[in-house]
Amino acid sequence: MPKLTPTSDAPGLHVSKPSPSEPATASAVCHCGASASARGDAQVGALVAGWNANHGPAHGK
């Protein structure tokens, strides 16, 4: 399996939640240079919302 963590050479968003009882984790790197990480379900949700609104798909608009 390839490494799923985003990098500046392979930007993107990666979210992981190994089991329902463990907190979610996420990391994001955008081609514009922005990066972020989060731990915990609420924080990961906020990171994903921010990514969708300001990076990733938003850059295609």
Protein backbone atom coordinates (compact mmCIF):
# COMPACT_ATOMS: atom_id res chain seq x y z
CA MET A 1 0.00 0.00 0.00
CA PRO A 2 1.38 3.43 -0.90
CA LYS A 3 2.01 6.04 1.76
CA LEU A 4 -1.19 8.08 2.05
CA THR A 5 0.12 11.12 3.92
CA PRO A 6 0.00 14.15 1.60
CA THR A 7 3.23 16.00 0.75
CA SER A 8 4.13 19.06 -1.31
CA ASP A 9 4.94 16.67 -4.17
CA ALA A 10 1.63 14.81 -3.73
CA PRO A 11 -0.86 17.28 -2.21
CA GLY A 12 -4.19 16.17 -0.87
CA LEU A 13 -6.24 15.34 2.20
CA HIS A 14 -5.92 12.15 4.24
CA VAL A 15 -8.39 11.21 6.99
CA SER A 16 -8.09 8.11 9.17
CA LYS A 17 -10.33 6.63 11.86
CA PRO A 18 -9.03 3.13 12.63
CA SER A 19 -11.99 2.21 14.83
CA PRO A 20 -15.15 3.83 16.21
CA SER A 21 -13.56 4.15 19.65
CA GLU A 22 -10.41 5.93 18.44
CA PRO A 23 -10.22 9.61 17.48
CA ALA A 24 -9.99 10.56 13.83
CA THR A 25 -6.76 12.06 12.48
CA ALA A 26 -6.21 14.08 9.33
CA SER A 27 -3.46 15.80 7.41
CA ALA A 28 -3.70 18.08 4.42
CA VAL A 29 -1.21 19.72 2.07
CA CYS A 30 -2.38 21.99 -0.74
CA HIS A 31 -0.49 22.78 -3.93
CA CYS A 32 -0.64 26.46 -2.85
CA GLY A 33 1.66 25.62 0.09
CA ALA A 34 -0.88 25.51 2.92
CA SER A 35 -0.75 22.54 5.28
CA ALA A 36 -2.63 21.43 8.39
CA SER A 37 -3.19 18.45 10.65
CA ALA A 38 -5.88 17.59 13.18
CA ARG A 39 -6.67 14.98 15.81
CA GLY A 40 -10.13 14.34 17.19
CA ASP A 41 -13.43 13.98 15.39
CA ALA A 42 -14.53 17.64 15.72
CA GLN A 43 -11.13 19.02 14.74
CA VAL A 44 -10.91 16.69 11.74
CA GLY A 45 -14.40 17.76 10.67
CA ALA A 46 -13.30 21.40 10.82
CA LEU A 47 -10.13 20.66 8.83
CA VAL A 48 -12.16 18.88 6.11
CA ALA A 49 -14.66 21.76 5.95
CA GLY A 50 -11.82 24.28 5.66
CA TRP A 51 -10.11 22.19 2.99
CA ASN A 52 -13.30 21.98 0.94
CA ALA A 53 -14.01 25.70 1.29
CA ASN A 54 -10.51 27.10 0.74
CA HIS A 55 -8.23 24.49 -0.84
CA GLY A 56 -8.45 21.30 -2.89
CA PRO A 57 -11.70 21.61 -4.86
CA ALA A 58 -11.96 25.36 -4.16
CA HIS A 59 -8.84 26.01 -6.26
CA GLY A 60 -10.61 24.49 -9.26
CA LYS A 61 -13.35 27.15 -9.18
